[in-house]
Amino acid sequence: MGFGFYILFVFVVIPLTVVLGVIWLLTHNRIYGTMIAIVWLLIIGLVLFVLTANFFTAPKSITKEDIYGEYVIDRDKYPGYQADWQYNHFRFEITKDNAFVFHETDKDKITKTYTGTVSFRESNVAPRITLHVDLPRNHIIENEPTLYRKAFSFYYVFKSPKFGNVFFTKGKWKPFEY
């Protein structure tokens, strides 16, 4: 909750509750008790709404364990022929022993593999990876891909001089025809 919420609470809700409570005690009129209940139900409803909205929209907290695994081209970011082609030609894996394995493929057949290591830079939000892959290497492989977090997932963006942004999401490669 923001600072404005606390100001509103301290300078409006509490004094309003006190005033309505005193009037209710002096007059014994039920309308003032009902007003107090409505004000507090609105406050509680607002707090519950904000907490629920925050749960469904706040970026996922990511650990090193979350980063380990297989990655494929995310065909949902910019769907179409190019994303489908990239999906069938590029994928990589980050192993628990901090190895980086990038595959050039022709659908399910691996045609070339580039290997290297991964190091982690701890940040206040999520661990950032730095890739150490010897030259020559595929144009997609970038030393520090950008990590983007969503509410329930995350993805990496590599900047390729040939393709522009290349989006990878965690998942197993599955064959499909395009």
Protein backbone atom coordinates (compact mmCIF):
# COMPACT_ATOMS: atom_id res chain seq x y z
CA MET A 1 0.00 0.00 0.00
CA GLY A 2 1.24 3.45 -0.82
CA PHE A 3 1.92 6.37 1.46
CA GLY A 4 -1.29 8.09 0.31
CA PHE A 5 -3.33 5.15 1.60
CA TYR A 6 -1.86 5.63 5.08
CA ILE A 7 -2.55 9.37 4.99
CA LEU A 8 -6.15 8.70 3.95
CA PHE A 9 -6.47 6.09 6.66
CA VAL A 10 -5.05 8.25 9.48
CA PHE A 11 -6.68 11.55 8.54
CA VAL A 12 -10.03 10.39 7.12
CA VAL A 13 -11.03 6.85 8.04
CA ILE A 14 -10.07 6.84 11.72
CA PRO A 15 -11.54 10.31 12.48
CA LEU A 16 -14.69 9.42 10.51
CA THR A 17 -15.04 6.20 12.48
CA VAL A 18 -14.59 8.04 15.79
CA VAL A 19 -17.12 10.75 14.89
CA LEU A 20 -19.69 8.25 13.61
CA GLY A 21 -19.10 6.07 16.69
CA VAL A 22 -19.68 8.96 19.11
CA ILE A 23 -22.83 10.03 17.24
CA TRP A 24 -24.06 6.43 17.24
CA LEU A 25 -23.45 6.11 21.02
CA LEU A 26 -25.25 9.39 21.73
CA THR A 27 -28.24 8.91 19.43
CA HIS A 28 -28.53 5.09 19.32
CA ASN A 29 -29.52 5.51 15.66
CA ARG A 30 -28.57 2.36 13.69
CA ILE A 31 -27.72 4.32 10.55
CA TYR A 32 -24.44 5.51 12.09
CA GLY A 33 -23.40 1.95 12.99
CA THR A 34 -24.25 0.88 9.45
CA MET A 35 -22.09 3.72 8.07
CA ILE A 36 -19.14 2.56 10.19
CA ALA A 37 -19.60 -1.00 8.94
CA ILE A 38 -19.78 0.19 5.30
CA VAL A 39 -16.61 2.30 5.63
CA TRP A 40 -14.66 -0.59 7.15
CA LEU A 41 -16.02 -3.14 4.66
CA LEU A 42 -14.91 -0.84 1.83
CA ILE A 43 -11.43 -0.50 3.36
CA ILE A 44 -11.11 -4.27 3.87
CA GLY A 45 -12.41 -4.91 0.33
CA LEU A 46 -9.91 -2.44 -1.12
CA VAL A 47 -7.02 -4.05 0.76
CA LEU A 48 -8.07 -7.55 -0.37
CA PHE A 49 -8.44 -6.35 -3.98
CA VAL A 50 -4.97 -4.76 -3.99
CA LEU A 51 -3.36 -7.85 -2.44
CA THR A 52 -5.07 -10.14 -4.97
CA ALA A 53 -4.16 -7.92 -7.92
CA ASN A 54 -0.56 -7.75 -6.69
CA PHE A 55 -0.38 -11.55 -6.44
CA PHE A 56 -1.51 -11.97 -10.05
CA THR A 57 0.60 -9.16 -11.55
CA ALA A 58 3.82 -8.97 -9.50
CA PRO A 59 6.86 -10.43 -11.30
CA LYS A 60 7.90 -13.94 -10.30
CA SER A 61 10.74 -14.26 -7.81
CA ILE A 62 13.51 -16.23 -9.50
CA THR A 63 16.35 -18.29 -8.02
CA LYS A 64 19.31 -20.06 -9.61
CA GLU A 65 17.38 -23.34 -9.39
CA ASP A 66 14.64 -21.81 -11.56
CA ILE A 67 17.18 -20.86 -14.23
CA TYR A 68 18.61 -24.35 -14.71
CA GLY A 69 16.91 -26.27 -17.51
CA GLU A 70 16.14 -26.36 -21.20
CA TYR A 71 15.08 -23.35 -23.26
CA VAL A 72 13.31 -23.10 -26.60
CA ILE A 73 12.27 -20.21 -28.84
CA ASP A 74 9.14 -18.52 -27.50
CA ARG A 75 6.80 -18.63 -30.49
CA ASP A 76 4.13 -16.55 -28.70
CA LYS A 77 6.04 -13.24 -28.56
CA TYR A 78 6.03 -12.67 -32.33
CA PRO A 79 4.20 -15.64 -33.83
CA GLY A 80 4.69 -16.51 -37.45
CA TYR A 81 6.99 -18.23 -39.86
CA GLN A 82 10.22 -16.67 -38.49
CA ALA A 83 9.50 -17.72 -34.89
CA ASP A 84 8.50 -21.21 -36.05
CA TRP A 85 11.71 -21.52 -38.09
CA GLN A 86 13.85 -20.33 -35.14
CA TYR A 87 12.06 -22.78 -32.84
CA ASN A 88 13.14 -25.65 -35.08
CA HIS A 89 16.73 -24.36 -35.40
CA PHE A 90 17.88 -23.07 -31.99
CA ARG A 91 17.65 -24.18 -28.38
CA PHE A 92 19.91 -24.27 -25.34
CA GLU A 93 20.34 -25.71 -21.88
CA ILE A 94 21.81 -24.43 -18.62
CA THR A 95 22.87 -27.33 -16.41
CA LYS A 96 23.22 -27.50 -12.63
CA ASP A 97 27.00 -27.65 -13.01
CA ASN A 98 26.79 -24.19 -14.71
CA ALA A 99 27.40 -25.46 -18.24
CA PHE A 100 25.81 -23.66 -21.18
CA VAL A 101 25.00 -25.86 -24.19
CA PHE A 102 23.61 -24.15 -27.31
CA HIS A 103 22.31 -26.28 -30.16
CA GLU A 104 21.82 -25.41 -33.80
CA THR A 105 19.29 -27.93 -35.03
CA ASP A 106 17.29 -29.06 -37.99
CA LYS A 107 14.09 -29.91 -36.15
CA ASP A 108 15.00 -32.89 -33.92
CA LYS A 109 18.50 -33.37 -35.40
CA ILE A 110 21.34 -31.44 -33.70
CA THR A 111 23.67 -30.08 -36.38
CA LYS A 112 26.11 -28.05 -34.26
CA THR A 113 26.71 -27.49 -30.56
CA TYR A 114 28.43 -24.61 -28.79
CA THR A 115 29.44 -25.08 -25.17
CA GLY A 116 30.54 -22.75 -22.45
CA THR A 117 29.93 -21.88 -18.84
CA VAL A 118 27.46 -19.72 -16.96
CA SER A 119 28.27 -17.44 -14.07
CA PHE A 120 25.68 -15.73 -11.91
CA ARG A 121 25.61 -12.13 -10.73
CA GLU A 122 23.35 -11.75 -7.76
CA SER A 123 21.09 -8.73 -7.91
CA ASN A 124 18.31 -7.52 -5.69
CA VAL A 125 15.65 -8.88 -8.07
CA ALA A 126 16.95 -12.09 -9.67
CA PRO A 127 20.28 -13.72 -10.45
CA ARG A 128 21.63 -12.49 -13.79
CA ILE A 129 23.58 -14.83 -16.01
CA THR A 130 26.78 -14.15 -17.88
CA LEU A 131 27.68 -16.62 -20.63
CA HIS A 132 31.28 -17.56 -21.35
CA VAL A 133 31.40 -19.19 -24.81
CA ASP A 134 34.53 -19.29 -26.94
CA LEU A 135 34.61 -17.76 -30.42
CA PRO A 136 33.54 -18.56 -33.04
CA ARG A 137 29.97 -18.95 -31.87
CA ASN A 138 26.45 -18.56 -33.18
CA HIS A 139 25.32 -14.95 -33.69
CA ILE A 140 22.44 -15.43 -31.24
CA ILE A 141 24.68 -16.19 -28.26
CA GLU A 142 25.10 -13.03 -26.24
CA ASN A 143 27.29 -12.66 -23.14
CA GLU A 144 24.54 -11.16 -20.99
CA PRO A 145 21.03 -11.95 -22.21
CA THR A 146 18.24 -9.93 -20.64
CA LEU A 147 15.92 -11.67 -18.18
CA TYR A 148 12.29 -10.57 -18.16
CA ARG A 149 10.02 -11.69 -15.34
CA LYS A 150 6.27 -12.10 -15.57
CA ALA A 151 3.74 -12.99 -12.88
CA PHE A 152 4.17 -16.75 -13.20
CA SER A 153 7.09 -17.19 -15.60
CA PHE A 154 10.18 -15.60 -17.10
CA TYR A 155 12.03 -15.50 -20.42
CA TYR A 156 15.39 -14.48 -21.87
CA VAL A 157 16.02 -12.11 -24.76
CA PHE A 158 19.19 -12.43 -26.81
CA LYS A 159 20.03 -9.61 -29.24
CA SER A 160 21.08 -11.10 -32.57
CA PRO A 161 22.63 -8.92 -35.30
CA LYS A 162 20.71 -11.01 -37.88
CA PHE A 163 17.33 -11.54 -36.19
CA GLY A 164 17.07 -8.67 -33.67
CA ASN A 165 15.53 -9.82 -30.40
CA VAL A 166 15.35 -13.60 -30.00
CA PHE A 167 13.06 -14.80 -27.21
CA PHE A 168 13.74 -17.99 -25.28
CA THR A 169 11.41 -19.51 -22.72
CA LYS A 170 12.00 -22.49 -20.46
CA GLY A 171 10.60 -25.70 -21.86
CA LYS A 172 11.25 -28.92 -23.73
CA TRP A 173 11.46 -28.91 -27.52
CA LYS A 174 8.54 -30.67 -29.19
CA PRO A 175 8.32 -31.33 -32.93
CA PHE A 176 5.77 -29.51 -35.06
CA GLU A 177 5.37 -28.64 -38.70
CA TYR A 178 5.10 -25.06 -39.91
